[in-house]
Amino acid sequence: MKLSTIVMGALAVGSHAVMQAQTPKLPNIIFLMDDQHRWDALGIVDRQVKTPNLDRLARQGVLFNQAVCQAPMSVARRNSLMLGLYPNQIGTLRNEPGLPDEKLPSRPLVEVIRDAGYETAGFGKAHWGITVGTRGFETRYEAECRENGAIMMADVDPEKYKRYNEEIADFGPGEENNLGYIGCTSRLQEDEHRDGWLTEQCLEYLESRDDERPLFLYLSFYKPHAGHNVPERFERMYSLERTRYAEQPDWDREYSPHAEQVNRRDMYIDFWKNATDTQWKQMTLRYRANCTWIDDMFGRVLDELKKKGLLDNALIIYLSDHGEMLGERYYRFNKYCLYESSVRVPMVFSGSALPDEMKRTVDSRPVELVDIYTTLMHFVGEQVPDELPGLDLLSDETRSANFCALHERPTEAAFMWRTPEYKLILCMKRKADASLYTESDIIDGEFYDLRQDPQEWNNRYHDKSYETTIAGMKRELLAHLKTLKRMPPKYVQYQ
């Protein structure tokens, strides 16, 4: 596959000034993102979920059905997305403070796109894990994660911000306790929610926008991450009686060699073992209703973009930062593990600037969110440093397997090597430099035949019948770790 004619023409010209003079304007880039959206929580994948706008993008574009995140938690994953490197290369491994500007190993994605000649406007969550500047955004609105120079919901609409926090006061840290998962029918107006407020700011910006440059629009929502306080009109789209929820394995205790007892496990297990059928259905229904609300807000913004002519020449990207277990695999909630519902993510490319051969397709390559940075650098005509690990997803580049890492235990790390057929997870003695891992560091492992056991209930790591496959995947995973040396500040140089 090749890049679009417009972008290939841009790549052939030496400078941005000459490029803009001799070729049509670069396509707009519409970047849609949400938080903790399961890979299968799209109507095009599961008809229980109502997401008509995202489904339409997927049908018209390309659905990457084997996409995974690089770390199943927001701060590590989002830094990886914005810096184009794996978390081990960055040094931000979990939900911990990120890096200040002077210690970044590469330029933030938005700065790269801005310097390629784009107007950059960002609405919503970036979650650097540290208070930083807007890192390339010329227009910046945020609701929760403070950035210097951003217009913050708490500052300009303090009463709305206060009312939202009053409604979720009992939902606990991150809105993720058991009450947060069960949720409620929200009493608030939609623009009193963070995502609703961000949507209104984005729409107002688009209505008044007057800029001749191509647009990079970043719209990143906080939901469907718990808490599940959902506007009534979306909750009413679902039937409690017809809601199906997670099936549990026939176990009498938790079994997860790489992720036992991480992140409030006792709280979840003790509660959901004894939860009622109604509570399970309410939790699951409201998660899906949140997905529908997110879809509706994306749809409103896409309609405004179309009205303004900004979709006539545009690449649209939709993805989530990681998944959500939603009670699967022995009452496991949120993420913080390397199982399918946590690490797999929805990813769609669509829009008029998508190469024709990719439209109306499903792509089953083992792609990763680290690929987005490299792809967009290619797309805007920037030279991509060899050190960047991502693929250009608008080409035919591929890799043999997906990689993801978990660093939730202080003395251990867990690494995943996954194909559509098999998954290997290695638990290892934790090292500061991933390139130094050897086979002698392996503590334990998990291996799942995803064809026969998609729920990952049956660990075959010590099963002799899989010995050859496990040995091959182990060699590949250890070889991949050798490439993940920590990058020093400004290691990747840009011209």
Protein backbone atom coordinates (compact mmCIF):
# COMPACT_ATOMS: atom_id res chain seq x y z
CA MET A 1 0.00 0.00 0.00
CA LYS A 2 1.11 3.56 -0.68
CA LEU A 3 0.44 6.91 0.88
CA SER A 4 -2.17 9.14 -0.70
CA THR A 5 -1.18 11.11 -3.80
CA ILE A 6 -1.31 14.35 -1.85
CA VAL A 7 1.11 13.18 0.81
CA MET A 8 3.47 11.49 -1.63
CA GLY A 9 3.64 14.76 -3.53
CA ALA A 10 4.49 16.57 -0.33
CA LEU A 11 7.26 14.12 0.49
CA ALA A 12 8.96 14.81 -2.81
CA VAL A 13 9.47 18.51 -2.03
CA GLY A 14 12.36 19.75 0.07
CA SER A 15 10.88 22.38 2.38
CA HIS A 16 7.46 22.99 3.88
CA ALA A 17 7.24 26.41 2.23
CA VAL A 18 7.91 25.02 -1.25
CA MET A 19 5.71 22.01 -0.52
CA GLN A 20 2.72 24.17 0.32
CA ALA A 21 3.26 26.33 -2.75
CA GLN A 22 3.52 23.47 -5.26
CA THR A 23 1.13 20.84 -3.95
CA PRO A 24 -2.42 20.80 -2.63
CA LYS A 25 -2.82 21.50 1.05
CA LEU A 26 -1.97 18.59 3.32
CA PRO A 27 -5.00 16.66 4.56
CA ASN A 28 -6.59 17.59 7.86
CA ILE A 29 -5.98 15.07 10.63
CA ILE A 30 -8.91 14.34 12.95
CA PHE A 31 -7.68 12.39 15.97
CA LEU A 32 -10.48 10.89 18.12
CA MET A 33 -9.64 9.08 21.34
CA ASP A 34 -11.32 7.82 24.48
CA ASP A 35 -10.29 6.07 27.68
CA GLN A 36 -10.65 2.41 28.65
CA HIS A 37 -12.78 1.44 25.65
CA ARG A 38 -12.77 -2.33 25.07
CA TRP A 39 -11.75 -3.54 21.62
CA ASP A 40 -15.10 -5.28 21.22
CA ALA A 41 -17.31 -2.44 22.51
CA LEU A 42 -18.19 -1.32 18.99
CA GLY A 43 -21.41 -2.21 17.23
CA ILE A 44 -19.45 -3.45 14.23
CA VAL A 45 -17.87 -6.08 16.52
CA ASP A 46 -20.65 -6.70 19.08
CA ARG A 47 -24.26 -5.86 18.22
CA GLN A 48 -25.05 -5.43 21.92
CA VAL A 49 -23.23 -2.07 21.73
CA LYS A 50 -24.65 0.96 19.90
CA THR A 51 -21.90 3.04 18.26
CA PRO A 52 -23.28 4.09 14.86
CA ASN A 53 -20.78 6.88 14.17
CA LEU A 54 -17.68 4.82 14.92
CA ASP A 55 -19.19 1.88 13.03
CA ARG A 56 -19.63 4.09 9.98
CA LEU A 57 -15.99 5.21 10.15
CA ALA A 58 -14.91 1.56 10.38
CA ARG A 59 -17.08 0.44 7.47
CA GLN A 60 -15.86 3.28 5.26
CA GLY A 61 -12.24 2.96 6.36
CA VAL A 62 -10.07 0.25 7.87
CA LEU A 63 -10.64 -1.55 11.17
CA PHE A 64 -7.39 -2.81 12.72
CA ASN A 65 -8.76 -5.83 14.54
CA GLN A 66 -5.51 -6.95 16.23
CA ALA A 67 -4.37 -3.64 17.74
CA VAL A 68 -2.88 -3.55 21.26
CA CYS A 69 -1.62 -0.90 23.66
CA GLN A 70 1.96 -0.78 24.95
CA ALA A 71 1.08 -0.65 28.66
CA PRO A 72 -2.37 -1.25 30.20
CA MET A 73 -2.60 2.03 32.10
CA SER A 74 -3.05 5.59 30.96
CA VAL A 75 0.14 7.52 31.82
CA ALA A 76 2.63 5.01 30.43
CA ARG A 77 0.50 4.32 27.37
CA ARG A 78 -0.25 7.94 26.54
CA ASN A 79 3.40 8.99 26.88
CA SER A 80 4.26 6.15 24.51
CA LEU A 81 1.67 7.37 22.00
CA MET A 82 2.81 10.99 22.10
CA LEU A 83 6.56 10.27 22.05
CA GLY A 84 6.58 7.36 19.60
CA LEU A 85 8.59 5.05 21.87
CA TYR A 86 7.87 2.06 24.09
CA PRO A 87 7.41 2.81 27.81
CA ASN A 88 10.67 1.03 28.63
CA GLN A 89 12.50 3.35 26.23
CA ILE A 90 10.90 6.41 27.85
CA GLY A 91 11.22 5.31 31.48
CA THR A 92 7.55 5.97 32.31
CA LEU A 93 6.26 2.47 33.01
CA ARG A 94 2.97 2.87 34.88
CA ASN A 95 0.63 5.52 36.29
CA GLU A 96 3.50 7.55 37.71
CA PRO A 97 4.93 11.03 37.05
CA GLY A 98 6.02 11.49 33.47
CA LEU A 99 9.03 13.44 32.23
CA PRO A 100 9.55 17.21 32.25
CA ASP A 101 10.24 18.90 28.92
CA GLU A 102 14.02 18.94 29.32
CA LYS A 103 14.14 15.17 29.80
CA LEU A 104 12.03 14.04 26.85
CA PRO A 105 13.72 11.49 24.59
CA SER A 106 11.82 12.67 21.49
CA ARG A 107 9.65 15.54 20.37
CA PRO A 108 5.96 15.29 21.27
CA LEU A 109 3.80 14.26 18.33
CA VAL A 110 1.80 17.48 18.30
CA GLU A 111 4.96 19.60 18.03
CA VAL A 112 6.06 17.54 15.04
CA ILE A 113 2.70 18.04 13.32
CA ARG A 114 2.58 21.75 14.16
CA ASP A 115 6.05 22.27 12.69
CA ALA A 116 4.93 20.49 9.51
CA GLY A 117 2.54 23.39 8.91
CA TYR A 118 -0.61 22.39 10.79
CA GLU A 119 -2.84 24.37 13.09
CA THR A 120 -3.05 22.26 16.24
CA ALA A 121 -6.10 22.24 18.51
CA GLY A 122 -6.50 19.85 21.43
CA PHE A 123 -9.57 19.14 23.54
CA GLY A 124 -9.36 16.65 26.38
CA LYS A 125 -7.15 14.16 28.07
CA ALA A 126 -3.43 13.84 27.32
CA HIS A 127 -2.46 12.62 30.81
CA TRP A 128 1.29 13.23 30.79
CA GLY A 129 1.39 12.37 34.52
CA ILE A 130 3.05 15.70 35.28
CA THR A 131 2.09 19.35 34.88
CA VAL A 132 3.69 20.47 31.63
CA GLY A 133 3.02 22.97 28.87
CA THR A 134 0.72 22.29 25.96
CA ARG A 135 3.51 20.55 24.02
CA GLY A 136 2.59 21.68 20.54
CA PHE A 137 -1.08 22.61 20.91
CA GLU A 138 -1.88 26.16 19.86
CA THR A 139 -5.46 25.85 21.15
CA ARG A 140 -5.83 23.73 24.27
CA TYR A 141 -8.79 22.86 26.48
CA GLU A 142 -8.60 20.37 29.35
CA ALA A 143 -10.97 19.26 32.08
CA GLU A 144 -8.94 17.41 34.70
CA CYS A 145 -5.21 16.95 33.95
CA ARG A 146 -3.75 20.44 34.29
CA GLU A 147 -1.41 21.79 31.63
CA ASN A 148 0.22 25.20 31.74
CA GLY A 149 -1.40 27.33 29.06
CA ALA A 150 -4.54 25.20 28.73
CA ILE A 151 -8.04 26.53 29.34
CA MET A 152 -9.31 24.42 32.23
CA MET A 153 -12.91 23.49 33.03
CA ALA A 154 -12.29 24.13 36.73
CA ASP A 155 -11.18 27.68 35.96
CA VAL A 156 -13.78 28.85 33.43
CA ASP A 157 -16.82 26.80 34.56
CA PRO A 158 -16.16 26.11 38.25
CA GLU A 159 -19.82 25.48 39.11
CA LYS A 160 -20.17 22.80 36.44
CA TYR A 161 -16.90 21.24 37.54
CA LYS A 162 -18.09 21.29 41.16
CA ARG A 163 -21.43 19.67 40.31
CA TYR A 164 -19.71 16.89 38.40
CA ASN A 165 -17.38 16.12 41.30
CA GLU A 166 -20.27 16.15 43.74
CA GLU A 167 -22.08 13.51 41.69
CA ILE A 168 -19.09 11.15 41.61
CA ALA A 169 -17.91 11.83 45.18
CA ASP A 170 -18.69 8.27 46.33
CA PHE A 171 -16.98 6.60 43.35
CA GLY A 172 -13.52 6.55 44.92
CA PRO A 173 -10.05 7.16 43.41
CA GLY A 174 -10.25 7.36 39.65
CA GLU A 175 -14.05 6.82 39.96
CA GLU A 176 -13.19 3.09 39.97
CA ASN A 177 -14.53 1.67 43.20
CA ASN A 178 -17.49 -0.72 43.09
CA LEU A 179 -20.04 2.09 43.32
CA GLY A 180 -18.29 3.80 40.41
CA TYR A 181 -18.63 0.68 38.30
CA ILE A 182 -22.33 0.22 39.11
CA GLY A 183 -22.77 3.92 38.44
CA CYS A 184 -26.02 5.83 38.31
CA THR A 185 -28.38 7.66 35.99
CA SER A 186 -26.76 11.08 35.91
CA ARG A 187 -28.72 14.05 37.24
CA LEU A 188 -26.44 16.51 35.45
CA GLN A 189 -26.79 18.34 32.19
CA GLU A 190 -24.49 16.81 29.59
CA ASP A 191 -22.19 19.84 29.47
CA GLU A 192 -21.67 19.52 33.23
CA HIS A 193 -19.77 16.31 32.57
CA ARG A 194 -16.13 16.73 31.58
CA ASP A 195 -16.61 15.11 28.17
CA GLY A 196 -19.79 17.03 27.48
CA TRP A 197 -18.05 20.29 28.38
CA LEU A 198 -15.09 19.44 26.12
CA THR A 199 -17.47 18.67 23.26
CA GLU A 200 -19.12 22.07 23.58
CA GLN A 201 -15.75 23.84 23.60
CA CYS A 202 -14.67 21.90 20.52
CA LEU A 203 -17.87 22.73 18.65
CA GLU A 204 -17.59 26.43 19.52
CA TYR A 205 -13.98 26.45 18.32
CA LEU A 206 -14.92 24.81 15.00
CA GLU A 207 -17.83 27.21 14.43
CA SER A 208 -15.55 30.25 14.77
CA ARG A 209 -12.34 28.81 13.29
CA ASP A 210 -10.67 30.98 10.66
CA ASP A 211 -7.30 29.49 9.68
CA GLU A 212 -6.03 28.51 6.23
CA ARG A 213 -3.57 25.92 7.50
CA PRO A 214 -4.49 22.23 7.55
CA LEU A 215 -6.02 21.27 10.88
CA PHE A 216 -4.82 18.74 13.42
CA LEU A 217 -7.78 18.28 15.77
CA TYR A 218 -7.29 16.15 18.89
CA LEU A 219 -10.46 15.21 20.80
CA SER A 220 -9.81 12.88 23.73
CA PHE A 221 -12.58 11.87 26.15
CA TYR A 222 -12.42 10.61 29.76
CA LYS A 223 -15.12 7.96 29.35
CA PRO A 224 -16.13 5.12 29.05
CA HIS A 225 -13.69 4.76 31.95
CA ALA A 226 -15.62 4.36 35.20
CA GLY A 227 -17.52 5.97 36.85
CA HIS A 228 -20.61 5.03 34.97
CA ASN A 229 -22.80 8.07 35.65
CA VAL A 230 -24.59 8.15 32.32
CA PRO A 231 -27.09 10.66 30.90
CA GLU A 232 -30.55 9.11 30.95
CA ARG A 233 -31.17 9.28 27.20
CA PHE A 234 -28.26 6.91 26.54
CA GLU A 235 -29.05 4.55 29.40
CA ARG A 236 -32.60 4.20 28.03
CA MET A 237 -31.22 2.87 24.73
CA TYR A 238 -30.40 -0.42 26.49
CA SER A 239 -32.50 -3.11 28.11
CA LEU A 240 -31.48 -4.33 31.55
CA GLU A 241 -33.31 -7.62 30.99
CA ARG A 242 -31.38 -8.37 27.79
CA THR A 243 -27.95 -7.34 29.12
CA ARG A 244 -25.38 -10.14 29.21
CA TYR A 245 -22.32 -9.81 31.44
CA ALA A 246 -19.02 -11.55 32.14
CA GLU A 247 -18.94 -15.31 32.59
CA GLN A 248 -16.63 -16.53 35.38
CA PRO A 249 -14.23 -19.49 35.36
CA ASP A 250 -14.94 -22.33 37.75
CA TRP A 251 -12.17 -21.32 40.17
CA ASP A 252 -12.13 -20.96 43.94
CA ARG A 253 -9.35 -18.34 43.93
CA GLU A 254 -7.67 -15.88 41.63
CA TYR A 255 -5.14 -17.29 39.18
CA SER A 256 -2.87 -14.84 37.38
CA PRO A 257 0.89 -15.41 37.77
CA HIS A 258 1.74 -11.99 36.34
CA ALA A 259 -1.03 -9.86 37.87
CA GLU A 260 -2.38 -11.34 41.10
CA GLN A 261 -3.41 -8.84 43.76
CA VAL A 262 -2.60 -5.73 41.75
CA ASN A 263 -4.66 -2.56 42.03
CA ARG A 264 -7.52 -3.08 44.50
CA ARG A 265 -8.09 -6.73 43.60
CA ASP A 266 -9.46 -7.70 47.02
CA MET A 267 -12.01 -4.89 46.90
CA TYR A 268 -13.33 -6.06 43.54
CA ILE A 269 -13.29 -9.80 44.22
CA ASP A 270 -15.00 -9.56 47.61
CA PHE A 271 -17.77 -7.35 46.27
CA TRP A 272 -18.50 -8.91 42.87
CA LYS A 273 -18.49 -12.49 44.15
CA ASN A 274 -21.62 -11.54 46.07
CA ALA A 275 -23.10 -8.95 43.70
CA THR A 276 -26.65 -9.42 42.50
CA ASP A 277 -27.68 -10.16 38.94
CA THR A 278 -29.10 -6.63 38.75
CA GLN A 279 -25.83 -5.04 39.86
CA TRP A 280 -23.88 -6.98 37.21
CA LYS A 281 -26.36 -5.91 34.55
CA GLN A 282 -26.38 -2.27 35.66
CA MET A 283 -22.58 -2.12 35.58
CA THR A 284 -22.37 -3.68 32.12
CA LEU A 285 -25.29 -1.72 30.67
CA ARG A 286 -23.93 1.62 31.86
CA TYR A 287 -20.48 0.90 30.48
CA ARG A 288 -22.05 0.28 27.07
CA ALA A 289 -24.28 3.35 27.45
CA ASN A 290 -21.14 5.40 28.11
CA CYS A 291 -19.69 4.04 24.86
CA THR A 292 -22.85 5.16 23.07
CA TRP A 293 -22.64 8.63 24.60
CA ILE A 294 -18.99 8.93 23.52
CA ASP A 295 -20.02 7.86 20.02
CA ASP A 296 -22.75 10.49 19.94
CA MET A 297 -20.31 13.27 20.90
CA PHE A 298 -17.84 12.12 18.24
CA GLY A 299 -20.72 12.18 15.77
CA ARG A 300 -21.66 15.76 16.65
CA VAL A 301 -18.09 16.92 16.10
CA LEU A 302 -17.79 15.00 12.83
CA ASP A 303 -21.02 16.62 11.61
CA GLU A 304 -19.60 20.08 12.34
CA LEU A 305 -16.33 19.21 10.61
CA LYS A 306 -18.30 18.07 7.56
CA LYS A 307 -20.39 21.25 7.55
CA LYS A 308 -17.21 23.34 7.59
CA GLY A 309 -15.72 21.34 4.69
CA LEU A 310 -12.93 19.98 6.89
CA LEU A 311 -13.66 16.34 5.99
CA ASP A 312 -13.33 16.92 2.24
CA ASN A 313 -9.62 16.16 2.55
CA ALA A 314 -8.99 14.43 5.87
CA LEU A 315 -7.56 11.42 7.64
CA ILE A 316 -9.67 10.37 10.63
CA ILE A 317 -8.11 8.23 13.36
CA TYR A 318 -10.03 6.69 16.24
CA LEU A 319 -8.49 4.66 19.07
CA SER A 320 -8.57 4.08 22.81
CA ASP A 321 -5.65 4.02 25.22
CA HIS A 322 -6.31 0.53 26.63
CA GLY A 323 -9.19 -1.79 27.41
CA GLU A 324 -11.38 -2.74 30.38
CA MET A 325 -11.79 -6.19 31.95
CA LEU A 326 -15.37 -5.46 33.08
CA GLY A 327 -15.47 -8.33 35.58
CA GLU A 328 -13.95 -11.05 33.39
CA ARG A 329 -11.47 -13.71 34.48
CA TYR A 330 -12.39 -14.01 38.12
CA TYR A 331 -13.89 -10.63 38.94
CA ARG A 332 -11.15 -8.56 37.35
CA PHE A 333 -11.92 -4.89 36.72
CA ASN A 334 -10.17 -1.96 35.03
CA LYS A 335 -6.85 -2.90 33.34
CA TYR A 336 -3.45 -3.65 35.00
CA CYS A 337 -3.04 -7.04 33.35
CA LEU A 338 -2.01 -8.48 29.99
CA TYR A 339 -5.24 -10.32 29.16
CA GLU A 340 -7.14 -9.62 25.95
CA SER A 341 -9.83 -7.27 27.22
CA SER A 342 -7.17 -5.11 28.86
CA VAL A 343 -4.49 -4.89 26.15
CA ARG A 344 -6.52 -4.97 22.94
CA VAL A 345 -7.92 -1.65 21.73
CA PRO A 346 -10.30 -0.45 19.03
CA MET A 347 -8.43 1.29 16.21
CA VAL A 348 -9.94 2.72 13.01
CA PHE A 349 -8.50 4.82 10.17
CA SER A 350 -11.01 6.49 7.90
CA GLY A 351 -11.62 9.63 5.88
CA SER A 352 -11.23 10.88 2.32
CA ALA A 353 -7.41 10.97 2.54
CA LEU A 354 -7.14 7.29 3.44
CA PRO A 355 -5.55 5.37 0.52
CA ASP A 356 -8.30 3.83 -1.61
CA GLU A 357 -6.91 0.32 -1.23
CA MET A 358 -7.40 0.54 2.56
CA LYS A 359 -11.01 1.69 2.47
CA ARG A 360 -13.76 -0.75 3.46
CA THR A 361 -11.23 -3.29 4.77
CA VAL A 362 -10.29 -5.13 7.96
CA ASP A 363 -6.55 -5.25 8.72
CA SER A 364 -5.36 -8.19 10.83
CA ARG A 365 -1.71 -7.17 11.17
CA PRO A 366 -0.36 -7.15 14.76
CA VAL A 367 -0.36 -3.37 15.07
CA GLU A 368 0.36 -1.28 18.17
CA LEU A 369 -0.42 2.20 19.40
CA VAL A 370 3.28 3.07 19.19
CA ASP A 371 2.77 2.94 15.41
CA ILE A 372 0.59 6.07 15.38
CA TYR A 373 3.55 8.44 15.84
CA THR A 374 5.53 6.94 12.97
CA THR A 375 2.47 6.78 10.73
CA LEU A 376 1.63 10.45 11.22
CA MET A 377 5.24 11.54 10.73
CA HIS A 378 5.16 9.82 7.34
CA PHE A 379 1.74 11.28 6.60
CA VAL A 380 2.79 14.90 7.13
CA GLY A 381 6.00 14.45 5.15
CA GLU A 382 8.50 14.41 8.00
CA GLN A 383 11.61 12.25 7.91
CA VAL A 384 11.28 9.43 10.44
CA PRO A 385 14.40 8.66 12.52
CA ASP A 386 15.55 5.05 12.32
CA GLU A 387 15.43 4.80 16.12
CA LEU A 388 11.64 4.99 16.24
CA PRO A 389 10.15 1.49 16.66
CA GLY A 390 6.71 2.08 15.14
CA LEU A 391 5.40 0.95 11.76
CA ASP A 392 3.86 3.14 9.09
CA LEU A 393 0.34 1.75 9.11
CA LEU A 394 -0.42 3.36 5.74
CA SER A 395 2.19 1.09 4.17
CA ASP A 396 2.44 -2.70 4.09
CA GLU A 397 4.97 -2.87 6.94
CA THR A 398 4.30 -5.54 9.53
CA ARG A 399 5.78 -7.34 12.55
CA SER A 400 5.55 -10.94 13.74
CA ALA A 401 3.69 -10.32 17.01
CA ASN A 402 2.28 -7.71 19.42
CA PHE A 403 4.20 -6.52 22.47
CA CYS A 404 2.90 -5.09 25.75
CA ALA A 405 4.48 -4.61 29.19
CA LEU A 406 3.21 -4.44 32.77
CA HIS A 407 5.22 -3.01 35.70
CA GLU A 408 2.76 -3.09 38.60
CA ARG A 409 4.92 -5.11 41.01
CA PRO A 410 7.99 -3.41 42.50
CA THR A 411 10.41 -6.32 41.91
CA GLU A 412 8.83 -7.93 38.82
CA ALA A 413 7.92 -7.06 35.26
CA ALA A 414 5.65 -8.92 32.85
CA PHE A 415 5.95 -8.89 29.07
CA MET A 416 3.49 -10.11 26.45
CA TRP A 417 4.23 -11.50 22.98
CA ARG A 418 0.98 -12.09 21.12
CA THR A 419 -0.27 -13.32 17.76
CA PRO A 420 -3.93 -13.81 16.81
CA GLU A 421 -3.42 -17.49 17.64
CA TYR A 422 -1.21 -17.54 20.74
CA LYS A 423 -0.16 -15.40 23.69
CA LEU A 424 3.01 -15.72 25.77
CA ILE A 425 3.46 -13.77 29.02
CA LEU A 426 6.79 -13.88 30.84
CA CYS A 427 7.12 -12.79 34.48
CA MET A 428 10.67 -11.58 35.03
CA LYS A 429 12.94 -10.13 37.69
CA ARG A 430 12.59 -6.41 37.17
CA LYS A 431 15.49 -4.50 35.63
CA ALA A 432 15.87 -0.79 34.98
CA ASP A 433 17.08 -1.44 31.43
CA ALA A 434 14.89 -3.80 29.39
CA SER A 435 17.74 -4.49 26.94
CA LEU A 436 19.55 -6.41 29.72
CA TYR A 437 16.91 -9.12 30.23
CA THR A 438 17.99 -12.71 29.61
CA GLU A 439 16.27 -16.07 29.93
CA SER A 440 17.77 -16.47 33.40
CA ASP A 441 15.55 -13.59 34.60
CA ILE A 442 12.32 -15.52 33.91
CA ILE A 443 10.36 -16.30 37.09
CA ASP A 444 7.23 -17.83 35.60
CA GLY A 445 5.09 -17.69 32.50
CA GLU A 446 1.66 -18.00 30.96
CA PHE A 447 0.74 -19.31 27.52
CA TYR A 448 -2.73 -19.29 25.97
CA ASP A 449 -4.06 -20.85 22.82
CA LEU A 450 -6.37 -18.01 21.85
CA ARG A 451 -8.10 -20.08 19.17
CA GLN A 452 -9.33 -22.69 21.64
CA ASP A 453 -9.32 -20.57 24.80
CA PRO A 454 -10.21 -16.93 23.98
CA GLN A 455 -11.12 -16.28 27.63
CA GLU A 456 -7.57 -17.22 28.71
CA TRP A 457 -8.65 -19.56 31.45
CA ASN A 458 -6.22 -22.42 30.68
CA ASN A 459 -2.52 -21.70 31.12
CA ARG A 460 -0.48 -24.03 28.84
CA TYR A 461 2.97 -22.68 29.74
CA HIS A 462 4.12 -26.08 31.04
CA ASP A 463 2.18 -28.12 28.46
CA LYS A 464 4.67 -30.22 26.45
CA SER A 465 2.42 -30.19 23.38
CA TYR A 466 3.10 -26.43 23.00
CA GLU A 467 6.80 -26.62 23.85
CA THR A 468 8.12 -25.76 20.38
CA THR A 469 5.74 -22.81 19.91
CA ILE A 470 6.53 -21.44 23.37
CA ALA A 471 10.28 -21.72 22.79
CA GLY A 472 10.03 -19.82 19.50
CA MET A 473 7.88 -17.04 20.95
CA LYS A 474 10.17 -16.79 23.96
CA ARG A 475 13.19 -16.25 21.68
CA GLU A 476 11.34 -13.55 19.77
CA LEU A 477 10.20 -11.77 22.95
CA LEU A 478 13.68 -11.78 24.48
CA ALA A 479 15.12 -10.48 21.21
CA HIS A 480 12.56 -7.67 21.19
CA LEU A 481 13.47 -6.69 24.75
CA LYS A 482 17.08 -6.26 23.59
CA THR A 483 15.91 -3.37 21.38
CA LEU A 484 14.26 -1.45 24.24
CA LYS A 485 17.24 0.37 25.71
CA ARG A 486 16.27 3.50 27.65
CA MET A 487 16.60 6.57 25.44
CA PRO A 488 18.46 9.57 26.93
CA PRO A 489 16.98 13.07 26.68
CA LYS A 490 16.82 14.33 23.09
CA TYR A 491 18.20 11.03 21.84
CA VAL A 492 16.09 11.24 18.69
CA GLN A 493 17.19 14.30 16.73
CA TYR A 494 14.90 16.10 14.31
CA GLN A 495 15.76 18.57 11.58
